[in-house]
């Protein structure tokens, strides 16, 4: 007997409002990231290229703490921790109160996300098997939610809400898988003493966030003055342990309470919007509201500015290289086919539905958007290769593949305007 699944047509008004807010923020973030990436690419391929490279390689930070890093590394290890903190907040909210809180409502996008990770990785390995380049197998596995949402908003602003939720949830699960891959496969030489030490400030951070949730929500300065330094200590210890430092952002986010009841004598916090109104406080929502602009308006665009700065005439081997073939095949073909085929299988063998307004053409178009891999794909490319030529080749391939995936999605999702009826004079 088929297992009951989620009818994607069943979208509550509250869930629809929440998703609309998230998509609006991600749309703005995607535009900012695209602009920063384009600026970095132009700078690397212009007379300013030497100045740009000097800026990216400029070192700053205390040498005694092993934190004398280049600006490019600070962007990848430090600023992206802010991005992963925001991802962690959204993941926790999805697991506690959102689409991932129930198995029946999560089965479709979760299965689609897994299919959209496995097939791209296999396609990449098919082109690079037996070579050193095979270590980059996870590069085409990631979806850039900000880019995907921005493109969706540009090419299909009237797509059914159910498919918007499907894309958002799929991308969130995709991020969780990518985080797990980074932690498990792209970490070497772990120093467990530093990792154990990081648990002390992490535990204190968790205690304060839970015990004084209302107070932190009511006083904007408190999180910056108290929690941020603690988070910085956690980040530094995780960085020193050998685990990629962005994982610290996720760990910190998972300690933030999604629902916390105010104390009886505590100060009632004014609702930020209709979603947060009521007798309970969602501190994860409050932090997302406050720190979201820092991530989308500064952290991710700065990372994109440095990561996209690849000189076309440099040491890269684009476009005739197995790395290029594997990444393009993975992101453009693997994501589209993997997400679509898995979705079809779940719908075929369960009682899940896409809803009357959603067509398979739109589903395939949304699946193609999953092939827009930028932020996390570029990060994994940096972690995969020690040879600068391999890294530059992979970054160029990611950017080209993302553009190709966007073009495929546009060809499927852009609706031609209906021709107006003409009447004889």
Protein backbone atom coordinates (compact mmCIF):
# COMPACT_ATOMS: atom_id res chain seq x y z
CA UNK A 1 0.00 0.00 0.00
CA UNK A 2 1.45 3.38 -0.94
CA UNK A 3 2.71 5.55 1.90
CA UNK A 4 0.68 8.73 2.38
CA UNK A 5 2.64 11.77 1.28
CA UNK A 6 2.34 15.50 1.06
CA UNK A 7 -0.05 17.14 -1.33
CA UNK A 8 1.92 20.14 -2.45
CA UNK A 9 -1.36 21.90 -3.12
CA UNK A 10 -2.06 21.96 0.60
CA UNK A 11 -0.28 25.18 1.55
CA UNK A 12 -1.45 26.96 4.68
CA UNK A 13 -1.80 30.71 4.66
CA UNK A 14 0.85 31.02 7.38
CA UNK A 15 3.30 28.79 5.52
CA UNK A 16 2.67 30.69 2.32
CA UNK A 17 3.36 34.02 4.05
CA UNK A 18 6.56 32.66 5.61
CA UNK A 19 7.82 31.31 2.31
CA UNK A 20 6.97 34.57 0.53
CA UNK A 21 9.07 36.49 3.08
CA UNK A 22 12.01 34.11 2.72
CA UNK A 23 11.85 34.17 -1.07
CA UNK A 24 11.77 37.96 -1.09
CA UNK A 25 14.92 38.09 1.05
CA UNK A 26 16.67 35.42 -1.03
CA UNK A 27 15.75 37.27 -4.23
CA UNK A 28 17.47 40.44 -3.00
CA UNK A 29 20.44 38.38 -1.81
CA UNK A 30 20.72 36.64 -5.17
CA UNK A 31 20.81 39.94 -7.05
CA UNK A 32 23.52 41.26 -4.73
CA UNK A 33 25.60 38.09 -5.10
CA UNK A 34 25.29 38.16 -8.89
CA UNK A 35 26.44 41.79 -8.99
CA UNK A 36 29.41 41.07 -6.68
CA UNK A 37 30.44 37.99 -8.66
CA UNK A 38 30.26 39.89 -11.93
CA UNK A 39 32.35 42.70 -10.45
CA UNK A 40 34.98 40.22 -9.23
CA UNK A 41 35.13 38.46 -12.59
CA UNK A 42 35.51 41.76 -14.45
CA UNK A 43 38.21 42.94 -12.05
CA UNK A 44 40.20 39.72 -12.53
CA UNK A 45 40.05 40.13 -16.31
CA UNK A 46 40.80 43.84 -16.56
CA UNK A 47 43.81 46.13 -16.10
CA UNK A 48 42.90 46.06 -12.39
CA UNK A 49 43.69 42.34 -12.15
CA UNK A 50 47.01 42.79 -10.31
CA UNK A 51 45.43 45.13 -7.76
CA UNK A 52 42.52 42.71 -7.36
CA UNK A 53 44.84 39.74 -6.76
CA UNK A 54 46.92 41.75 -4.30
CA UNK A 55 43.75 42.66 -2.40
CA UNK A 56 42.55 39.05 -2.32
CA UNK A 57 45.98 37.83 -1.11
CA UNK A 58 46.47 40.58 1.46
CA UNK A 59 47.03 39.03 4.90
CA UNK A 60 45.50 40.25 8.13
CA UNK A 61 44.95 38.74 11.58
CA UNK A 62 46.96 37.63 14.62
CA UNK A 63 49.78 35.27 13.72
CA UNK A 64 49.98 33.99 17.30
CA UNK A 65 46.46 32.56 17.01
CA UNK A 66 47.18 31.06 13.58
CA UNK A 67 44.67 33.51 12.11
CA UNK A 68 46.95 35.54 9.85
CA UNK A 69 44.85 34.79 6.78
CA UNK A 70 44.37 36.32 3.35
CA UNK A 71 41.24 38.36 2.72
CA UNK A 72 40.08 35.64 0.34
CA UNK A 73 40.44 33.04 3.09
CA UNK A 74 38.70 35.28 5.62
CA UNK A 75 35.82 35.55 3.16
CA UNK A 76 35.60 31.78 2.64
CA UNK A 77 36.19 30.70 6.25
CA UNK A 78 34.93 33.68 8.23
CA UNK A 79 32.21 35.50 6.32
CA UNK A 80 30.68 32.28 5.00
CA UNK A 81 30.27 31.18 8.63
CA UNK A 82 27.68 33.97 8.87
CA UNK A 83 25.94 32.56 5.79
CA UNK A 84 25.98 29.05 7.26
CA UNK A 85 24.62 30.46 10.53
CA UNK A 86 21.62 31.77 8.59
CA UNK A 87 21.29 28.42 6.81
CA UNK A 88 21.38 26.66 10.18
CA UNK A 89 18.64 28.90 11.56
CA UNK A 90 16.39 28.12 8.61
CA UNK A 91 17.19 24.41 8.84
CA UNK A 92 16.24 24.30 12.50
CA UNK A 93 13.00 26.18 11.88
CA UNK A 94 12.13 23.77 9.09
CA UNK A 95 12.81 20.76 11.32
CA UNK A 96 10.85 22.15 14.28
CA UNK A 97 7.90 23.98 12.77
CA UNK A 98 8.24 23.88 8.98
CA UNK A 99 7.92 21.46 6.10
CA UNK A 100 10.54 19.10 7.53
CA UNK A 101 8.80 18.67 10.89
CA UNK A 102 6.65 15.81 9.58
CA UNK A 103 7.82 12.88 7.51
CA UNK A 104 4.77 12.97 5.27
CA UNK A 105 5.33 16.62 4.41
CA UNK A 106 9.07 16.25 3.93
CA UNK A 107 9.31 13.07 1.88
CA UNK A 108 8.98 14.69 -1.57
CA UNK A 109 11.54 17.54 -1.30
CA UNK A 110 13.92 15.48 0.86
CA UNK A 111 13.95 12.60 -1.62
CA UNK A 112 14.29 15.05 -4.52
CA UNK A 113 17.25 16.73 -2.80
CA UNK A 114 18.98 13.37 -2.29
CA UNK A 115 18.43 12.46 -5.95
CA UNK A 116 19.76 15.89 -6.91
CA UNK A 117 22.96 15.21 -4.96
CA UNK A 118 23.68 11.59 -5.87
CA UNK A 119 23.30 11.74 -9.66
CA UNK A 120 25.46 14.88 -10.15
CA UNK A 121 28.20 13.31 -8.02
CA UNK A 122 28.06 10.11 -10.06
CA UNK A 123 28.19 12.00 -13.35
CA UNK A 124 31.20 13.98 -12.17
CA UNK A 125 32.97 10.78 -11.14
CA UNK A 126 32.16 9.24 -14.54
CA UNK A 127 34.32 11.93 -16.17
CA UNK A 128 37.08 12.06 -13.56
CA UNK A 129 37.32 8.49 -12.22
CA UNK A 130 40.87 7.37 -11.65
CA UNK A 131 42.31 10.89 -11.65
CA UNK A 132 43.19 13.32 -8.87
CA UNK A 133 40.28 15.48 -10.03
CA UNK A 134 37.84 12.88 -8.66
CA UNK A 135 38.21 14.44 -5.21
CA UNK A 136 35.97 17.27 -6.43
CA UNK A 137 32.97 14.91 -6.74
CA UNK A 138 30.82 17.04 -4.41
CA UNK A 139 31.21 20.29 -6.38
CA UNK A 140 28.08 19.78 -8.54
CA UNK A 141 26.07 18.47 -5.57
CA UNK A 142 25.19 21.86 -4.09
CA UNK A 143 22.40 24.29 -4.98
CA UNK A 144 22.76 28.03 -4.37
CA UNK A 145 19.39 28.96 -2.91
CA UNK A 146 19.86 32.73 -3.27
CA UNK A 147 20.81 32.46 -6.95
CA UNK A 148 18.05 29.93 -7.67
CA UNK A 149 15.37 32.03 -5.99
CA UNK A 150 16.57 35.21 -7.69
CA UNK A 151 16.40 33.57 -11.12
CA UNK A 152 12.99 32.08 -10.30
CA UNK A 153 11.69 35.52 -9.33
CA UNK A 154 12.97 36.99 -12.58
CA UNK A 155 11.73 34.33 -15.01
CA UNK A 156 8.62 32.93 -13.30
CA UNK A 157 7.19 35.37 -10.74
CA UNK A 158 3.73 33.75 -10.95
CA UNK A 159 4.76 30.12 -10.48
CA UNK A 160 2.46 28.23 -8.04
CA UNK A 161 3.30 28.73 -4.35
CA UNK A 162 3.48 24.94 -3.89
CA UNK A 163 6.45 24.77 -6.26
CA UNK A 164 8.11 27.70 -4.53
CA UNK A 165 7.89 25.82 -1.24
CA UNK A 166 9.18 22.70 -3.00
CA UNK A 167 12.25 24.59 -4.30
CA UNK A 168 12.92 26.28 -0.97
CA UNK A 169 12.64 23.06 1.05
CA UNK A 170 14.71 21.13 -1.50
CA UNK A 171 17.44 23.78 -1.35
CA UNK A 172 17.43 23.77 2.47
CA UNK A 173 17.87 19.97 2.54
CA UNK A 174 20.52 20.31 -0.17
CA UNK A 175 22.39 22.73 2.10
CA UNK A 176 22.19 20.26 4.99
CA UNK A 177 23.66 17.52 2.80
CA UNK A 178 26.41 19.87 1.57
CA UNK A 179 27.26 20.84 5.16
CA UNK A 180 27.50 17.16 6.09
CA UNK A 181 29.71 16.45 3.07
CA UNK A 182 32.09 19.27 3.99
CA UNK A 183 32.29 18.07 7.59
CA UNK A 184 32.81 14.40 6.69
CA UNK A 185 34.82 14.42 3.47
CA UNK A 186 36.63 17.74 3.29
CA UNK A 187 38.14 17.77 6.75
CA UNK A 188 41.57 16.26 7.38
CA UNK A 189 43.92 16.13 10.31
CA UNK A 190 41.33 16.93 12.97
CA UNK A 191 42.78 18.09 16.28
CA UNK A 192 40.19 16.81 18.70
CA UNK A 193 41.58 18.81 21.61
CA UNK A 194 40.56 22.10 19.94
CA UNK A 195 37.27 20.57 18.85
CA UNK A 196 36.56 19.53 22.45
CA UNK A 197 37.49 22.99 23.71
CA UNK A 198 35.01 24.55 21.28
CA UNK A 199 32.20 22.73 23.08
CA UNK A 200 32.69 24.90 26.18
CA UNK A 201 31.83 28.29 24.60
CA UNK A 202 29.26 26.52 22.42
CA UNK A 203 27.49 25.17 25.51
CA UNK A 204 27.59 28.61 27.16
CA UNK A 205 26.20 30.16 23.97
CA UNK A 206 23.36 27.62 23.94
CA UNK A 207 22.57 28.20 27.64
CA UNK A 208 22.43 31.98 27.28
CA UNK A 209 20.40 31.85 24.05
CA UNK A 210 17.79 29.59 25.65
CA UNK A 211 17.72 31.04 29.17
CA UNK A 212 17.58 34.69 28.08
CA UNK A 213 15.85 34.38 24.70
CA UNK A 214 13.33 37.11 25.45
CA UNK A 215 16.01 39.45 26.75
CA UNK A 216 18.18 38.98 23.68
CA UNK A 217 15.17 39.63 21.47
CA UNK A 218 14.22 42.79 23.38
CA UNK A 219 17.74 44.29 23.46
CA UNK A 220 19.35 44.51 20.04
CA UNK A 221 22.82 45.24 21.42
CA UNK A 222 22.91 42.14 23.63
CA UNK A 223 23.49 39.57 20.89
CA UNK A 224 26.28 41.67 19.38
CA UNK A 225 27.97 42.31 22.74
CA UNK A 226 27.56 38.87 24.34
CA UNK A 227 26.70 36.14 21.86
CA UNK A 228 28.86 37.36 18.98
CA UNK A 229 32.15 37.19 20.95
CA UNK A 230 31.23 33.71 22.17
CA UNK A 231 30.45 32.69 18.62
CA UNK A 232 33.79 34.10 17.51
CA UNK A 233 35.59 31.94 20.07
CA UNK A 234 33.71 28.85 18.85
CA UNK A 235 34.63 29.72 15.27
CA UNK A 236 38.33 30.20 16.10
CA UNK A 237 38.55 26.88 17.96
CA UNK A 238 36.77 24.98 15.20
CA UNK A 239 39.07 26.63 12.65
CA UNK A 240 42.11 25.56 14.67
CA UNK A 241 40.76 22.00 14.97
CA UNK A 242 41.02 21.44 11.22
CA UNK A 243 37.26 21.16 10.65
CA UNK A 244 36.14 23.75 8.13
CA UNK A 245 35.24 26.81 10.17
CA UNK A 246 31.90 27.41 8.45
CA UNK A 247 30.56 24.38 10.36
CA UNK A 248 30.78 26.54 13.49
CA UNK A 249 28.03 28.75 12.08
CA UNK A 250 25.70 25.77 11.73
CA UNK A 251 26.47 24.48 15.23
CA UNK A 252 25.75 27.89 16.75
CA UNK A 253 22.51 28.23 14.81
CA UNK A 254 21.26 24.85 16.00
CA UNK A 255 21.50 26.04 19.63
CA UNK A 256 19.17 29.01 19.04
CA UNK A 257 15.64 28.20 20.27
CA UNK A 258 12.91 28.21 17.67
CA UNK A 259 10.15 28.59 20.25
CA UNK A 260 10.86 29.99 23.70
CA UNK A 261 8.20 30.98 26.23
CA UNK A 262 8.75 34.38 27.87
CA UNK A 263 9.14 34.39 31.63
CA UNK A 264 6.07 35.45 33.59
CA UNK A 265 7.73 38.61 34.85
CA UNK A 266 9.78 39.12 31.74
CA UNK A 267 9.35 41.89 29.23
CA UNK A 268 6.93 41.14 26.43
CA UNK A 269 8.70 41.51 23.10
CA UNK A 270 6.76 43.35 20.39
CA UNK A 271 6.02 41.17 17.39
CA UNK A 272 8.25 41.78 14.39
CA UNK A 273 5.44 40.71 12.08
CA UNK A 274 2.25 38.69 12.09
CA UNK A 275 4.20 35.44 12.08
CA UNK A 276 6.03 36.15 15.33
CA UNK A 277 3.01 37.56 17.14
CA UNK A 278 1.53 35.66 20.07
CA UNK A 279 2.55 34.36 23.46
CA UNK A 280 5.69 32.61 22.22
CA UNK A 281 8.92 33.93 20.81
CA UNK A 282 10.85 32.45 17.94
CA UNK A 283 14.40 33.64 18.60
CA UNK A 284 15.64 31.97 15.43
CA UNK A 285 13.21 34.16 13.50
CA UNK A 286 14.37 37.26 15.40
CA UNK A 287 18.04 36.52 14.67
CA UNK A 288 17.25 35.77 11.06
CA UNK A 289 15.44 39.09 10.79
CA UNK A 290 18.30 41.02 12.37
CA UNK A 291 21.37 39.30 10.96
CA UNK A 292 19.99 38.37 7.55
CA UNK A 293 21.14 41.67 5.98
CA UNK A 294 24.68 41.04 7.27
CA UNK A 295 24.74 37.70 5.46
CA UNK A 296 22.95 38.61 2.25
CA UNK A 297 24.17 42.19 1.97
CA UNK A 298 27.81 41.76 2.97
CA UNK A 299 29.14 38.28 3.81
CA UNK A 300 28.03 36.34 0.74
CA UNK A 301 28.61 39.16 -1.80
CA UNK A 302 32.18 39.67 -0.50
CA UNK A 303 32.83 35.93 -0.80
CA UNK A 304 31.39 35.96 -4.32
CA UNK A 305 33.55 38.95 -5.25
CA UNK A 306 36.74 37.06 -4.35
CA UNK A 307 35.62 33.57 -5.44
CA UNK A 308 34.49 34.64 -8.92
CA UNK A 309 37.75 36.43 -9.69
CA UNK A 310 39.17 33.90 -12.14
CA UNK A 311 41.30 35.13 -15.05
CA UNK A 312 40.07 33.53 -18.27
CA UNK A 313 43.58 33.61 -19.72
CA UNK A 314 45.23 32.32 -16.57
CA UNK A 315 46.41 28.85 -15.56
CA UNK A 316 42.99 27.23 -15.88
CA UNK A 317 42.30 24.50 -18.43
CA UNK A 318 38.75 25.57 -19.25
CA UNK A 319 36.88 24.30 -21.24
CA UNK A 320 38.66 21.07 -22.30
CA UNK A 321 39.20 19.26 -19.02
CA UNK A 322 37.44 16.38 -17.22
CA UNK A 323 36.72 18.73 -14.29
CA UNK A 324 34.75 21.00 -16.61
CA UNK A 325 32.84 18.12 -18.22
CA UNK A 326 32.02 16.61 -14.83
CA UNK A 327 30.78 19.86 -13.28
CA UNK A 328 28.68 20.90 -16.27
CA UNK A 329 27.20 17.42 -16.65
CA UNK A 330 26.51 17.26 -12.92
CA UNK A 331 24.89 20.67 -12.50
CA UNK A 332 23.02 20.95 -15.79
CA UNK A 333 22.02 17.33 -16.44
CA UNK A 334 22.47 15.59 -13.11
CA UNK A 335 20.50 18.07 -11.03
CA UNK A 336 17.62 18.30 -13.49
CA UNK A 337 17.29 14.56 -14.08
CA UNK A 338 18.05 13.56 -10.47
CA UNK A 339 15.47 15.88 -8.91
CA UNK A 340 12.82 15.21 -11.55
CA UNK A 341 13.22 11.42 -11.59
CA UNK A 342 13.16 11.15 -7.80
CA UNK A 343 10.11 13.39 -7.59
CA UNK A 344 8.34 11.27 -10.20
CA UNK A 345 9.16 8.07 -8.30
CA UNK A 346 7.83 9.45 -5.01
CA UNK A 347 4.65 10.69 -6.67
CA UNK A 348 4.23 7.41 -8.54
CA UNK A 349 4.61 5.10 -5.57
CA UNK A 350 3.06 7.21 -2.80
CA UNK A 351 -0.06 9.30 -2.49
CA UNK A 352 1.83 12.57 -2.80
CA UNK A 353 0.50 15.11 -5.27
CA UNK A 354 1.92 18.14 -6.99
CA UNK A 355 -1.35 19.97 -7.06
CA UNK A 356 -3.66 20.82 -9.91
CA UNK A 357 -1.87 24.04 -10.86
CA UNK A 358 1.60 22.52 -11.23
CA UNK A 359 2.65 20.93 -14.51
CA UNK A 360 5.56 18.59 -15.15
CA UNK A 361 7.09 21.25 -17.36
CA UNK A 362 7.23 23.54 -14.32
CA UNK A 363 8.57 20.77 -12.11
CA UNK A 364 11.42 20.10 -14.56
CA UNK A 365 12.08 23.85 -14.75
CA UNK A 366 12.34 24.08 -10.97
CA UNK A 367 14.60 21.01 -10.99
CA UNK A 368 16.86 22.77 -13.49
CA UNK A 369 17.14 25.69 -11.07
CA UNK A 370 18.73 23.20 -8.66
CA UNK A 371 21.69 23.20 -11.04
CA UNK A 372 22.54 26.77 -10.11
CA UNK A 373 25.41 25.98 -7.77
CA UNK A 374 27.50 28.94 -6.77
CA UNK A 375 28.32 29.77 -3.14
CA UNK A 376 28.72 26.26 -1.71
CA UNK A 377 29.97 24.79 -5.01
CA UNK A 378 32.75 27.38 -5.16
CA UNK A 379 33.59 26.68 -1.52
CA UNK A 380 33.85 22.94 -2.17
CA UNK A 381 35.98 23.65 -5.25
CA UNK A 382 38.40 25.57 -3.03
CA UNK A 383 38.47 22.67 -0.56
CA UNK A 384 38.92 20.01 -3.26
CA UNK A 385 42.06 21.13 -5.03
CA UNK A 386 45.50 22.30 -4.00
CA UNK A 387 46.60 23.04 -7.58
CA UNK A 388 45.52 26.63 -8.44
CA UNK A 389 44.91 25.57 -12.06
CA UNK A 390 42.43 22.91 -10.93
CA UNK A 391 40.70 25.38 -8.63
CA UNK A 392 40.37 28.06 -11.32
CA UNK A 393 39.14 25.48 -13.83
CA UNK A 394 36.49 24.28 -11.39
CA UNK A 395 35.34 27.81 -10.51
CA UNK A 396 34.93 28.77 -14.16
CA UNK A 397 33.02 25.53 -14.78
CA UNK A 398 30.68 26.23 -11.86
CA UNK A 399 29.88 29.72 -13.15
CA UNK A 400 29.30 28.56 -16.73
CA UNK A 401 27.23 25.55 -15.61
CA UNK A 402 25.09 27.77 -13.39
CA UNK A 403 24.35 30.07 -16.30
CA UNK A 404 23.48 27.07 -18.47
CA UNK A 405 21.15 25.68 -15.78
CA UNK A 406 19.46 29.08 -15.51
CA UNK A 407 18.97 29.13 -19.29
CA UNK A 408 17.40 25.65 -19.24
CA UNK A 409 15.07 26.70 -16.42
CA UNK A 410 14.12 29.88 -18.26
CA UNK A 411 13.26 27.93 -21.42
CA UNK A 412 10.85 25.81 -19.38
CA UNK A 413 9.38 28.35 -16.97
CA UNK A 414 8.98 31.54 -19.01
CA UNK A 415 5.45 31.63 -20.28
CA UNK A 416 4.73 33.31 -23.57
CA UNK A 417 2.12 36.04 -23.27
CA UNK A 418 -1.22 35.07 -24.69
CA UNK A 419 -1.90 36.62 -28.05
CA UNK A 420 -4.64 39.22 -27.97
CA UNK A 421 -7.70 38.52 -30.03
CA UNK A 422 -7.89 40.58 -33.21
CA UNK A 423 -11.10 41.75 -34.76
CA UNK A 424 -11.62 42.83 -38.36
CA UNK A 425 -12.29 46.49 -38.89
